Amino acid sequence: MLRPDRRCARLARYSRREGGACPNPNPNPSPNPNPNPNPNPNPNPNPSPNPKPEPEPEPEPEPEARTRSPNPKPDAGPDTEPDTEPDAEDRTRWRPARASRAGYPSPVLTTPFQPSLLGREPTTFDPSLSGLVRVRLDDTAWLDIVAGWVRGSDALFDEVFRTREWAQRLRRMHQGRVPEPRLTSHWSELSAEPLRPALVDELRRCLSAHYRVDFDSVGFNLYRDGKDSVAWHGDHITKEIAEPIVPLVSLGEPRKLLFRPKGGGTSRAFVLGRGDLLVTGGLAQRTWEHAVPRVARAGPRISLAFRYGLERRGYVQDQAADGRA
């Protein structure tokens, strides 16, 4: 249907030919000043013979349906922990294989753990320490190193991660109590509790027999990513032990462990991980200090430190982290 103005234009041309005037296209005007009575006018005055049909609107999803993100997380199975952390890029996508047997809440790793090709084989170790190599720091300090001493160490990493109760300690510094940039767990024979996992107790007994020392405590240190670190220090071991021996087993991603003379000097770096064993002996804990430096990027790592005659001074347990008074 033609618009009134277009009809008037045609009638005007007809009237000029016939000598008449343009008639009023709307002899009975309505009070509504809108000249277009059609509420849905056709915006195209010259529609095509075959107009395209308008696309049908997409059906709305049912209320119970949920849209999925471009990178959906795997559904939690019956043996995995529920993900209660916010969905952010700085949280991990890796979770332990099963929930903790001891019922402890597992910490959230800030970077995913990448197992090695041989890390999922059955966990074993060499009780004879046949691959031991001794490195001299100086005439009075030495290190024993056994590369890959624990085979299948990724499975042990997973079990230690699940079964230990992790907390963040506060360390006394000059500026006050400062939280350590790592998580820790501790076991001692004085606790009268079994050492878990059981394989860690087998490692402890083996090292005690080899070095003829009764290692009566184990410190577990969890470095979640490259931001977790520990500054230059020496272990707090009672002064009655002149030359303490401290074995260290590294699980997970390799990280640098630095040694330097006490007070400063040139440092020596040792990259440890995937079941490597490093033992400090002689005066290494007295005249040398060690550190795990902060790096731009690193995967999670757990170190097991076997000690005896350990002094508990210098640290205060973070009560908010473990819920104990």
C-alpha atoms as a PDB file:
ATOM      1  CA  MET A   1       0.000   0.000   0.000  1.00  0.00           C
ATOM      2  CA  LEU A   2       1.360   3.452  -0.964  1.00  0.00           C
ATOM      3  CA  ARG A   3       1.992   6.090   1.661  1.00  0.00           C
ATOM      4  CA  PRO A   4      -0.418   9.099   1.530  1.00  0.00           C
ATOM      5  CA  ASP A   5       2.291  11.537   0.442  1.00  0.00           C
ATOM      6  CA  ARG A   6       3.259   9.273  -2.455  1.00  0.00           C
ATOM      7  CA  ARG A   7      -0.413   8.862  -3.408  1.00  0.00           C
ATOM      8  CA  CYS A   8      -0.800  12.662  -3.366  1.00  0.00           C
ATOM      9  CA  ALA A   9       2.226  13.066  -5.613  1.00  0.00           C
ATOM     10  CA  ARG A  10       0.751  10.637  -8.133  1.00  0.00           C
ATOM     11  CA  LEU A  11      -2.646  12.303  -7.977  1.00  0.00           C
ATOM     12  CA  ALA A  12      -1.006  15.709  -8.440  1.00  0.00           C
ATOM     13  CA  ARG A  13       0.649  14.543 -11.646  1.00  0.00           C
ATOM     14  CA  TYR A  14      -2.688  13.084 -12.794  1.00  0.00           C
ATOM     15  CA  SER A  15      -4.496  16.326 -11.943  1.00  0.00           C
ATOM     16  CA  ARG A  16      -2.051  18.412 -13.938  1.00  0.00           C
ATOM     17  CA  ARG A  17      -2.708  16.206 -16.912  1.00  0.00           C
ATOM     18  CA  GLU A  18      -6.469  16.346 -16.365  1.00  0.00           C
ATOM     19  CA  GLY A  19      -6.592  19.962 -15.118  1.00  0.00           C
ATOM     20  CA  GLY A  20      -7.804  19.080 -11.614  1.00  0.00           C
ATOM     21  CA  ALA A  21      -6.422  19.517  -8.099  1.00  0.00           C
ATOM     22  CA  CYS A  22      -4.915  17.065  -5.683  1.00  0.00           C
ATOM     23  CA  PRO A  23      -7.681  15.603  -3.582  1.00  0.00           C
ATOM     24  CA  ASN A  24      -7.285  15.212   0.181  1.00  0.00           C
ATOM     25  CA  PRO A  25      -6.020  11.647   0.720  1.00  0.00           C
ATOM     26  CA  ASN A  26      -7.589  11.553   4.166  1.00  0.00           C
ATOM     27  CA  PRO A  27     -10.925  13.364   4.095  1.00  0.00           C
ATOM     28  CA  ASN A  28     -11.751  12.430   7.678  1.00  0.00           C
ATOM     29  CA  PRO A  29      -8.586  13.167   9.671  1.00  0.00           C
ATOM     30  CA  SER A  30      -8.315  11.516  13.051  1.00  0.00           C
ATOM     31  CA  PRO A  31      -7.194  13.353  16.188  1.00  0.00           C
ATOM     32  CA  ASN A  32      -3.923  11.390  16.066  1.00  0.00           C
ATOM     33  CA  PRO A  33      -1.395  13.601  14.245  1.00  0.00           C
ATOM     34  CA  ASN A  34       0.594  10.544  13.184  1.00  0.00           C
ATOM     35  CA  PRO A  35       0.039  10.295   9.395  1.00  0.00           C
ATOM     36  CA  ASN A  36       0.905   6.597   9.400  1.00  0.00           C
ATOM     37  CA  PRO A  37      -1.893   4.555  10.953  1.00  0.00           C
ATOM     38  CA  ASN A  38       0.026   1.332  10.453  1.00  0.00           C
ATOM     39  CA  PRO A  39       1.811   0.552  13.778  1.00  0.00           C
ATOM     40  CA  ASN A  40       4.350  -1.659  11.981  1.00  0.00           C
ATOM     41  CA  PRO A  41       5.246   0.182   8.766  1.00  0.00           C
ATOM     42  CA  ASN A  42       7.373  -1.522   6.182  1.00  0.00           C
ATOM     43  CA  PRO A  43      10.767   0.277   6.184  1.00  0.00           C
ATOM     44  CA  ASN A  44      11.359  -0.807   2.593  1.00  0.00           C
ATOM     45  CA  PRO A  45       8.961   1.130   0.279  1.00  0.00           C
ATOM     46  CA  ASN A  46       9.794  -1.120  -2.637  1.00  0.00           C
ATOM     47  CA  PRO A  47       9.788  -4.625  -1.258  1.00  0.00           C
ATOM     48  CA  SER A  48      11.361  -7.310  -3.374  1.00  0.00           C
ATOM     49  CA  PRO A  49       9.110  -9.917  -4.948  1.00  0.00           C
ATOM     50  CA  ASN A  50      10.625 -12.658  -2.775  1.00  0.00           C
ATOM     51  CA  PRO A  51      11.375 -11.134   0.610  1.00  0.00           C
ATOM     52  CA  LYS A  52      13.690 -13.133   2.872  1.00  0.00           C
ATOM     53  CA  PRO A  53      11.965 -14.538   5.939  1.00  0.00           C
ATOM     54  CA  GLU A  54      13.123 -13.166   9.241  1.00  0.00           C
ATOM     55  CA  PRO A  55      15.314 -15.612  11.239  1.00  0.00           C
ATOM     56  CA  GLU A  56      13.476 -17.414  13.943  1.00  0.00           C
ATOM     57  CA  PRO A  57      14.683 -16.548  17.463  1.00  0.00           C
ATOM     58  CA  GLU A  58      16.863 -19.174  19.105  1.00  0.00           C
ATOM     59  CA  PRO A  59      15.125 -21.137  21.830  1.00  0.00           C
ATOM     60  CA  GLU A  60      16.122 -20.122  25.327  1.00  0.00           C
ATOM     61  CA  PRO A  61      17.989 -22.785  27.328  1.00  0.00           C
ATOM     62  CA  GLU A  62      16.098 -24.671  29.934  1.00  0.00           C
ATOM     63  CA  PRO A  63      16.538 -23.348  33.503  1.00  0.00           C
ATOM     64  CA  GLU A  64      18.521 -26.375  34.640  1.00  0.00           C
ATOM     65  CA  ALA A  65      20.987 -26.163  31.731  1.00  0.00           C
ATOM     66  CA  ARG A  66      24.260 -24.356  32.392  1.00  0.00           C
ATOM     67  CA  THR A  67      26.548 -22.828  29.843  1.00  0.00           C
ATOM     68  CA  ARG A  68      30.094 -24.168  29.851  1.00  0.00           C
ATOM     69  CA  SER A  69      33.203 -22.044  29.754  1.00  0.00           C
ATOM     70  CA  PRO A  70      35.647 -22.336  26.816  1.00  0.00           C
ATOM     71  CA  ASN A  71      38.043 -24.271  29.075  1.00  0.00           C
ATOM     72  CA  PRO A  72      35.810 -26.407  31.265  1.00  0.00           C
ATOM     73  CA  LYS A  73      37.257 -28.097  34.319  1.00  0.00           C
ATOM     74  CA  PRO A  74      36.928 -31.867  34.575  1.00  0.00           C
ATOM     75  CA  ASP A  75      34.058 -33.011  36.706  1.00  0.00           C
ATOM     76  CA  ALA A  76      35.141 -33.975  40.176  1.00  0.00           C
ATOM     77  CA  GLY A  77      34.947 -37.702  40.641  1.00  0.00           C
ATOM     78  CA  PRO A  78      34.006 -39.472  43.830  1.00  0.00           C
ATOM     79  CA  ASP A  79      37.633 -39.580  45.000  1.00  0.00           C
ATOM     80  CA  THR A  80      38.580 -35.980  44.287  1.00  0.00           C
ATOM     81  CA  GLU A  81      38.178 -32.935  46.473  1.00  0.00           C
ATOM     82  CA  PRO A  82      35.563 -30.327  45.556  1.00  0.00           C
ATOM     83  CA  ASP A  83      36.979 -27.167  44.070  1.00  0.00           C
ATOM     84  CA  THR A  84      35.982 -24.452  46.532  1.00  0.00           C
ATOM     85  CA  GLU A  85      38.523 -21.895  45.331  1.00  0.00           C
ATOM     86  CA  PRO A  86      37.623 -19.034  42.967  1.00  0.00           C
ATOM     87  CA  ASP A  87      38.062 -19.748  39.287  1.00  0.00           C
ATOM     88  CA  ALA A  88      41.101 -17.526  38.582  1.00  0.00           C
ATOM     89  CA  GLU A  89      44.191 -17.923  36.454  1.00  0.00           C
ATOM     90  CA  ASP A  90      46.516 -17.957  39.464  1.00  0.00           C
ATOM     91  CA  ARG A  91      44.896 -21.071  40.944  1.00  0.00           C
ATOM     92  CA  THR A  92      45.934 -24.547  39.976  1.00  0.00           C
ATOM     93  CA  ARG A  93      44.139 -26.961  37.667  1.00  0.00           C
ATOM     94  CA  TRP A  94      45.882 -29.921  39.320  1.00  0.00           C
ATOM     95  CA  ARG A  95      44.428 -31.732  42.278  1.00  0.00           C
ATOM     96  CA  PRO A  96      45.626 -34.792  44.210  1.00  0.00           C
ATOM     97  CA  ALA A  97      44.332 -38.115  42.983  1.00  0.00           C
ATOM     98  CA  ARG A  98      42.285 -38.851  46.118  1.00  0.00           C
ATOM     99  CA  ALA A  99      41.138 -37.085  49.230  1.00  0.00           C
ATOM    100  CA  SER A 100      43.437 -37.051  52.236  1.00  0.00           C
ATOM    101  CA  ARG A 101      43.256 -40.167  54.376  1.00  0.00           C
ATOM    102  CA  ALA A 102      43.957 -38.092  57.484  1.00  0.00           C
ATOM    103  CA  GLY A 103      41.152 -35.692  56.626  1.00  0.00           C
ATOM    104  CA  TYR A 104      43.392 -32.646  56.269  1.00  0.00           C
ATOM    105  CA  PRO A 105      42.398 -29.990  53.740  1.00  0.00           C
ATOM    106  CA  SER A 106      44.896 -30.126  50.892  1.00  0.00           C
ATOM    107  CA  PRO A 107      46.461 -26.787  49.976  1.00  0.00           C
ATOM    108  CA  VAL A 108      45.825 -25.313  46.570  1.00  0.00           C
ATOM    109  CA  LEU A 109      48.811 -25.368  44.247  1.00  0.00           C
ATOM    110  CA  THR A 110      49.283 -22.187  42.278  1.00  0.00           C
ATOM    111  CA  THR A 111      50.891 -24.016  39.338  1.00  0.00           C
ATOM    112  CA  PRO A 112      49.992 -27.421  37.879  1.00  0.00           C
ATOM    113  CA  PHE A 113      52.200 -30.371  38.733  1.00  0.00           C
ATOM    114  CA  GLN A 114      53.721 -32.007  35.645  1.00  0.00           C
ATOM    115  CA  PRO A 115      54.591 -35.664  36.323  1.00  0.00           C
ATOM    116  CA  SER A 116      57.677 -37.078  34.618  1.00  0.00           C
ATOM    117  CA  LEU A 117      57.576 -40.036  32.240  1.00  0.00           C
ATOM    118  CA  LEU A 118      59.062 -42.335  34.880  1.00  0.00           C
ATOM    119  CA  GLY A 119      57.448 -40.701  37.899  1.00  0.00           C
ATOM    120  CA  ARG A 120      54.384 -42.953  38.010  1.00  0.00           C
ATOM    121  CA  GLU A 121      56.254 -46.246  38.225  1.00  0.00           C
ATOM    122  CA  PRO A 122      56.204 -48.146  41.547  1.00  0.00           C
ATOM    123  CA  THR A 123      57.991 -46.166  44.251  1.00  0.00           C
ATOM    124  CA  THR A 124      61.270 -47.771  45.313  1.00  0.00           C
ATOM    125  CA  PHE A 125      64.684 -46.660  46.518  1.00  0.00           C
ATOM    126  CA  ASP A 126      68.209 -48.047  46.658  1.00  0.00           C
ATOM    127  CA  PRO A 127      69.020 -48.935  50.311  1.00  0.00           C
ATOM    128  CA  SER A 128      72.719 -49.355  49.463  1.00  0.00           C
ATOM    129  CA  LEU A 129      73.068 -45.795  48.073  1.00  0.00           C
ATOM    130  CA  SER A 130      75.230 -47.285  45.331  1.00  0.00           C
ATOM    131  CA  GLY A 131      75.171 -44.145  43.176  1.00  0.00           C
ATOM    132  CA  LEU A 132      76.491 -41.862  45.936  1.00  0.00           C
ATOM    133  CA  VAL A 133      78.901 -39.090  44.903  1.00  0.00           C
ATOM    134  CA  ARG A 134      80.682 -36.939  47.519  1.00  0.00           C
ATOM    135  CA  VAL A 135      81.230 -33.243  46.727  1.00  0.00           C
ATOM    136  CA  ARG A 136      83.667 -31.190  48.815  1.00  0.00           C
ATOM    137  CA  LEU A 137      82.570 -27.653  49.638  1.00  0.00           C
ATOM    138  CA  ASP A 138      85.900 -27.088  51.394  1.00  0.00           C
ATOM    139  CA  ASP A 139      88.304 -29.090  53.537  1.00  0.00           C
ATOM    140  CA  THR A 140      85.787 -29.438  56.384  1.00  0.00           C
ATOM    141  CA  ALA A 141      82.375 -29.475  54.664  1.00  0.00           C
ATOM    142  CA  TRP A 142      80.978 -32.017  52.205  1.00  0.00           C
ATOM    143  CA  LEU A 143      77.802 -33.057  50.391  1.00  0.00           C
ATOM    144  CA  ASP A 144      76.669 -36.547  49.423  1.00  0.00           C
ATOM    145  CA  ILE A 145      74.473 -36.665  46.313  1.00  0.00           C
ATOM    146  CA  VAL A 146      72.503 -39.589  44.868  1.00  0.00           C
ATOM    147  CA  ALA A 147      70.622 -38.598  41.716  1.00  0.00           C
ATOM    148  CA  GLY A 148      67.186 -40.245  41.396  1.00  0.00           C
ATOM    149  CA  TRP A 149      67.562 -42.131  44.659  1.00  0.00           C
ATOM    150  CA  VAL A 150      63.769 -42.521  44.966  1.00  0.00           C
ATOM    151  CA  ARG A 151      62.271 -44.004  41.809  1.00  0.00           C
ATOM    152  CA  GLY A 152      58.613 -43.378  41.077  1.00  0.00           C
ATOM    153  CA  SER A 153      58.943 -40.199  43.144  1.00  0.00           C
ATOM    154  CA  ASP A 154      55.873 -38.521  41.629  1.00  0.00           C
ATOM    155  CA  ALA A 155      53.610 -41.039  43.347  1.00  0.00           C
ATOM    156  CA  LEU A 156      55.381 -40.284  46.633  1.00  0.00           C
ATOM    157  CA  PHE A 157      54.945 -36.552  45.985  1.00  0.00           C
ATOM    158  CA  ASP A 158      51.201 -37.086  45.588  1.00  0.00           C
ATOM    159  CA  GLU A 159      50.966 -39.160  48.762  1.00  0.00           C
ATOM    160  CA  VAL A 160      52.974 -36.692  50.860  1.00  0.00           C
ATOM    161  CA  PHE A 161      50.876 -33.845  49.505  1.00  0.00           C
ATOM    162  CA  ARG A 162      47.638 -35.619  50.481  1.00  0.00           C
ATOM    163  CA  THR A 163      48.516 -37.101  53.855  1.00  0.00           C
ATOM    164  CA  ARG A 164      50.427 -34.282  55.542  1.00  0.00           C
ATOM    165  CA  GLU A 165      48.837 -31.421  57.478  1.00  0.00           C
ATOM    166  CA  TRP A 166      50.222 -28.251  55.877  1.00  0.00           C
ATOM    167  CA  ALA A 167      50.510 -24.863  57.545  1.00  0.00           C
ATOM    168  CA  GLN A 168      52.371 -21.589  57.093  1.00  0.00           C
ATOM    169  CA  ARG A 169      54.841 -20.749  59.830  1.00  0.00           C
ATOM    170  CA  LEU A 170      55.778 -17.349  61.155  1.00  0.00           C
ATOM    171  CA  ARG A 171      59.477 -16.624  61.461  1.00  0.00           C
ATOM    172  CA  ARG A 172      60.912 -14.119  63.895  1.00  0.00           C
ATOM    173  CA  MET A 173      62.762 -11.411  62.018  1.00  0.00           C
ATOM    174  CA  HIS A 174      64.047  -7.971  62.946  1.00  0.00           C
ATOM    175  CA  GLN A 175      60.802  -6.380  61.736  1.00  0.00           C
ATOM    176  CA  GLY A 176      58.680  -8.856  63.695  1.00  0.00           C
ATOM    177  CA  ARG A 177      56.928 -12.084  62.796  1.00  0.00           C
ATOM    178  CA  VAL A 178      56.952 -12.681  59.061  1.00  0.00           C
ATOM    179  CA  PRO A 179      55.100 -15.546  57.279  1.00  0.00           C
ATOM    180  CA  GLU A 180      57.364 -17.917  55.418  1.00  0.00           C
ATOM    181  CA  PRO A 181      56.764 -18.022  51.638  1.00  0.00           C
ATOM    182  CA  ARG A 182      56.195 -21.790  51.701  1.00  0.00           C
ATOM    183  CA  LEU A 183      54.077 -24.367  53.538  1.00  0.00           C
ATOM    184  CA  THR A 184      55.510 -26.782  56.071  1.00  0.00           C
ATOM    185  CA  SER A 185      54.664 -29.876  58.055  1.00  0.00           C
ATOM    186  CA  HIS A 186      56.628 -31.517  60.875  1.00  0.00           C
ATOM    187  CA  TRP A 187      56.959 -34.926  62.424  1.00  0.00           C
ATOM    188  CA  SER A 188      58.924 -35.969  65.521  1.00  0.00           C
ATOM    189  CA  GLU A 189      59.330 -39.177  67.464  1.00  0.00           C
ATOM    190  CA  LEU A 190      58.220 -37.227  70.538  1.00  0.00           C
ATOM    191  CA  SER A 191      54.745 -36.916  69.015  1.00  0.00           C
ATOM    192  CA  ALA A 192      54.203 -40.681  69.437  1.00  0.00           C
ATOM    193  CA  GLU A 193      52.419 -40.636  66.064  1.00  0.00           C
ATOM    194  CA  PRO A 194      53.399 -42.853  63.126  1.00  0.00           C
ATOM    195  CA  LEU A 195      55.351 -41.199  60.358  1.00  0.00           C
ATOM    196  CA  ARG A 196      53.229 -40.914  57.225  1.00  0.00           C
ATOM    197  CA  PRO A 197      53.523 -41.886  54.468  1.00  0.00           C
ATOM    198  CA  ALA A 198      55.008 -45.197  55.557  1.00  0.00           C
ATOM    199  CA  LEU A 199      57.623 -45.084  52.789  1.00  0.00           C
ATOM    200  CA  VAL A 200      59.092 -41.909  54.325  1.00  0.00           C
ATOM    201  CA  ASP A 201      59.661 -43.880  57.520  1.00  0.00           C
ATOM    202  CA  GLU A 202      61.504 -46.528  55.476  1.00  0.00           C
ATOM    203  CA  LEU A 203      63.708 -43.789  54.016  1.00  0.00           C
ATOM    204  CA  ARG A 204      64.397 -42.481  57.511  1.00  0.00           C
ATOM    205  CA  ARG A 205      65.429 -45.881  58.829  1.00  0.00           C
ATOM    206  CA  CYS A 206      67.640 -46.531  55.810  1.00  0.00           C
ATOM    207  CA  LEU A 207      69.452 -43.203  56.171  1.00  0.00           C
ATOM    208  CA  SER A 208      69.831 -43.703  59.921  1.00  0.00           C
ATOM    209  CA  ALA A 209      71.478 -47.072  59.354  1.00  0.00           C
ATOM    210  CA  HIS A 210      73.773 -45.758  56.594  1.00  0.00           C
ATOM    211  CA  TYR A 211      75.020 -42.679  58.496  1.00  0.00           C
ATOM    212  CA  ARG A 212      74.764 -44.297  61.948  1.00  0.00           C
ATOM    213  CA  VAL A 213      72.575 -41.493  63.239  1.00  0.00           C
ATOM    214  CA  ASP A 214      69.041 -41.734  64.610  1.00  0.00           C
ATOM    215  CA  PHE A 215      67.089 -39.187  62.623  1.00  0.00           C
ATOM    216  CA  ASP A 216      64.230 -38.486  65.016  1.00  0.00           C
ATOM    217  CA  SER A 217      62.426 -35.730  63.099  1.00  0.00           C
ATOM    218  CA  VAL A 218      61.361 -34.956  59.548  1.00  0.00           C
ATOM    219  CA  GLY A 219      60.538 -31.549  58.130  1.00  0.00           C
ATOM    220  CA  PHE A 220      58.263 -31.383  55.057  1.00  0.00           C
ATOM    221  CA  ASN A 221      58.538 -28.212  52.963  1.00  0.00           C
ATOM    222  CA  LEU A 222      56.114 -27.445  50.128  1.00  0.00           C
ATOM    223  CA  TYR A 223      57.153 -24.911  47.494  1.00  0.00           C
ATOM    224  CA  ARG A 224      53.962 -24.265  45.525  1.00  0.00           C
ATOM    225  CA  ASP A 225      55.552 -22.257  42.708  1.00  0.00           C
ATOM    226  CA  GLY A 226      58.524 -20.024  41.926  1.00  0.00           C
ATOM    227  CA  LYS A 227      57.332 -17.376  44.386  1.00  0.00           C
ATOM    228  CA  ASP A 228      57.842 -19.738  47.326  1.00  0.00           C
ATOM    229  CA  SER A 229      61.420 -19.688  48.570  1.00  0.00           C
ATOM    230  CA  VAL A 230      63.631 -19.695  51.633  1.00  0.00           C
ATOM    231  CA  ALA A 231      66.376 -17.178  52.381  1.00  0.00           C
ATOM    232  CA  TRP A 232      69.985 -17.881  53.355  1.00  0.00           C
ATOM    233  CA  HIS A 233      70.102 -19.784  56.633  1.00  0.00           C
ATOM    234  CA  GLY A 234      71.565 -22.708  58.523  1.00  0.00           C
ATOM    235  CA  ASP A 235      69.513 -25.386  60.268  1.00  0.00           C
ATOM    236  CA  HIS A 236      68.871 -24.900  63.989  1.00  0.00           C
ATOM    237  CA  ILE A 237      70.688 -27.918  65.374  1.00  0.00           C
ATOM    238  CA  THR A 238      71.901 -28.102  68.951  1.00  0.00           C
ATOM    239  CA  LYS A 239      75.498 -26.951  69.438  1.00  0.00           C
ATOM    240  CA  GLU A 240      76.403 -30.223  71.164  1.00  0.00           C
ATOM    241  CA  ILE A 241      76.438 -31.792  67.689  1.00  0.00           C
ATOM    242  CA  ALA A 242      79.631 -30.409  66.137  1.00  0.00           C
ATOM    243  CA  GLU A 243      79.192 -31.890  62.666  1.00  0.00           C
ATOM    244  CA  PRO A 244      75.478 -32.525  62.055  1.00  0.00           C
ATOM    245  CA  ILE A 245      74.321 -34.687  59.148  1.00  0.00           C
ATOM    246  CA  VAL A 246      71.114 -33.637  57.409  1.00  0.00           C
ATOM    247  CA  PRO A 247      69.735 -35.703  54.480  1.00  0.00           C
ATOM    248  CA  LEU A 248      67.389 -33.936  52.078  1.00  0.00           C
ATOM    249  CA  VAL A 249      65.094 -35.758  49.605  1.00  0.00           C
ATOM    250  CA  SER A 250      63.581 -33.615  46.842  1.00  0.00           C
ATOM    251  CA  LEU A 251      60.266 -34.558  45.190  1.00  0.00           C
ATOM    252  CA  GLY A 252      58.442 -32.885  42.324  1.00  0.00           C
ATOM    253  CA  GLU A 253      59.779 -30.182  40.021  1.00  0.00           C
ATOM    254  CA  PRO A 254      63.544 -29.543  40.190  1.00  0.00           C
ATOM    255  CA  ARG A 255      64.676 -26.356  41.950  1.00  0.00           C
ATOM    256  CA  LYS A 256      68.070 -24.843  42.661  1.00  0.00           C
ATOM    257  CA  LEU A 257      69.535 -25.297  46.136  1.00  0.00           C
ATOM    258  CA  LEU A 258      72.376 -22.822  46.723  1.00  0.00           C
ATOM    259  CA  PHE A 259      75.286 -23.094  49.145  1.00  0.00           C
ATOM    260  CA  ARG A 260      77.696 -20.304  50.083  1.00  0.00           C
ATOM    261  CA  PRO A 261      80.158 -19.631  52.915  1.00  0.00           C
ATOM    262  CA  LYS A 262      78.501 -18.216  55.996  1.00  0.00           C
ATOM    263  CA  GLY A 263      78.311 -14.430  55.780  1.00  0.00           C
ATOM    264  CA  GLY A 264      78.606 -14.253  51.997  1.00  0.00           C
ATOM    265  CA  GLY A 265      80.779 -15.368  49.116  1.00  0.00           C
ATOM    266  CA  THR A 266      80.541 -17.283  45.879  1.00  0.00           C
ATOM    267  CA  SER A 267      77.601 -19.678  45.853  1.00  0.00           C
ATOM    268  CA  ARG A 268      77.345 -23.162  44.371  1.00  0.00           C
ATOM    269  CA  ALA A 269      74.120 -24.370  42.840  1.00  0.00           C
ATOM    270  CA  PHE A 270      72.654 -27.878  42.844  1.00  0.00           C
ATOM    271  CA  VAL A 271      69.457 -28.629  40.921  1.00  0.00           C
ATOM    272  CA  LEU A 272      67.411 -31.147  42.912  1.00  0.00           C
ATOM    273  CA  GLY A 273      64.091 -32.866  42.250  1.00  0.00           C
ATOM    274  CA  ARG A 274      62.422 -36.105  41.089  1.00  0.00           C
ATOM    275  CA  GLY A 275      63.695 -38.153  44.030  1.00  0.00           C
ATOM    276  CA  ASP A 276      67.259 -36.776  44.323  1.00  0.00           C
ATOM    277  CA  LEU A 277      69.063 -37.180  47.648  1.00  0.00           C
ATOM    278  CA  LEU A 278      71.477 -34.587  49.043  1.00  0.00           C
ATOM    279  CA  VAL A 279      73.163 -34.987  52.446  1.00  0.00           C
ATOM    280  CA  THR A 280      75.046 -32.200  54.226  1.00  0.00           C
ATOM    281  CA  GLY A 281      77.940 -33.321  56.441  1.00  0.00           C
ATOM    282  CA  GLY A 282      81.077 -32.148  58.154  1.00  0.00           C
ATOM    283  CA  LEU A 283      80.790 -28.436  58.935  1.00  0.00           C
ATOM    284  CA  ALA A 284      78.376 -27.726  56.077  1.00  0.00           C
ATOM    285  CA  GLN A 285      75.651 -26.681  58.550  1.00  0.00           C
ATOM    286  CA  ARG A 286      78.094 -24.645  60.670  1.00  0.00           C
ATOM    287  CA  THR A 287      80.321 -22.754  58.250  1.00  0.00           C
ATOM    288  CA  TRP A 288      78.023 -22.736  55.196  1.00  0.00           C
ATOM    289  CA  GLU A 289      74.474 -21.568  54.628  1.00  0.00           C
ATOM    290  CA  HIS A 290      71.927 -22.575  52.019  1.00  0.00           C
ATOM    291  CA  ALA A 291      68.865 -21.132  50.283  1.00  0.00           C
ATOM    292  CA  VAL A 292      66.163 -21.883  47.712  1.00  0.00           C
ATOM    293  CA  PRO A 293      65.920 -18.651  45.680  1.00  0.00           C
ATOM    294  CA  ARG A 294      62.767 -17.205  44.215  1.00  0.00           C
ATOM    295  CA  VAL A 295      62.406 -17.693  40.453  1.00  0.00           C
ATOM    296  CA  ALA A 296      60.048 -16.386  37.779  1.00  0.00           C
ATOM    297  CA  ARG A 297      58.446 -19.747  37.051  1.00  0.00           C
ATOM    298  CA  ALA A 298      58.646 -23.167  38.712  1.00  0.00           C
ATOM    299  CA  GLY A 299      56.426 -26.133  39.404  1.00  0.00           C
ATOM    300  CA  PRO A 300      55.576 -27.468  42.873  1.00  0.00           C
ATOM    301  CA  ARG A 301      58.316 -29.149  44.893  1.00  0.00           C
ATOM    302  CA  ILE A 302      58.394 -30.939  48.260  1.00  0.00           C
ATOM    303  CA  SER A 303      61.591 -31.444  50.245  1.00  0.00           C
ATOM    304  CA  LEU A 304      61.992 -33.903  53.118  1.00  0.00           C
ATOM    305  CA  ALA A 305      64.656 -32.912  55.666  1.00  0.00           C
ATOM    306  CA  PHE A 306      65.743 -35.660  58.103  1.00  0.00           C
ATOM    307  CA  ARG A 307      67.314 -34.241  61.271  1.00  0.00           C
ATOM    308  CA  TYR A 308      68.308 -35.039  64.821  1.00  0.00           C
ATOM    309  CA  GLY A 309      68.990 -32.670  67.708  1.00  0.00           C
ATOM    310  CA  LEU A 310      66.749 -30.066  66.087  1.00  0.00           C
ATOM    311  CA  GLU A 311      66.098 -26.861  68.007  1.00  0.00           C
ATOM    312  CA  ARG A 312      62.551 -25.531  67.716  1.00  0.00           C
ATOM    313  CA  ARG A 313      63.546 -21.907  68.337  1.00  0.00           C
ATOM    314  CA  GLY A 314      63.157 -19.298  65.647  1.00  0.00           C
ATOM    315  CA  TYR A 315      59.739 -20.399  64.415  1.00  0.00           C
ATOM    316  CA  VAL A 316      56.168 -19.874  65.589  1.00  0.00           C
ATOM    317  CA  GLN A 317      53.345 -21.949  64.190  1.00  0.00           C
ATOM    318  CA  ASP A 318      50.707 -19.914  62.368  1.00  0.00           C
ATOM    319  CA  GLN A 319      47.638 -20.553  64.519  1.00  0.00           C
ATOM    320  CA  ALA A 320      45.282 -19.296  61.840  1.00  0.00           C
ATOM    321  CA  ALA A 321      46.698 -21.764  59.345  1.00  0.00           C
ATOM    322  CA  ASP A 322      46.390 -24.960  61.345  1.00  0.00           C
ATOM    323  CA  GLY A 323      43.602 -24.072  63.760  1.00  0.00           C
ATOM    324  CA  ARG A 324      45.566 -24.881  66.905  1.00  0.00           C
ATOM    325  CA  ALA A 325      46.097 -22.575  69.892  1.00  0.00           C
END
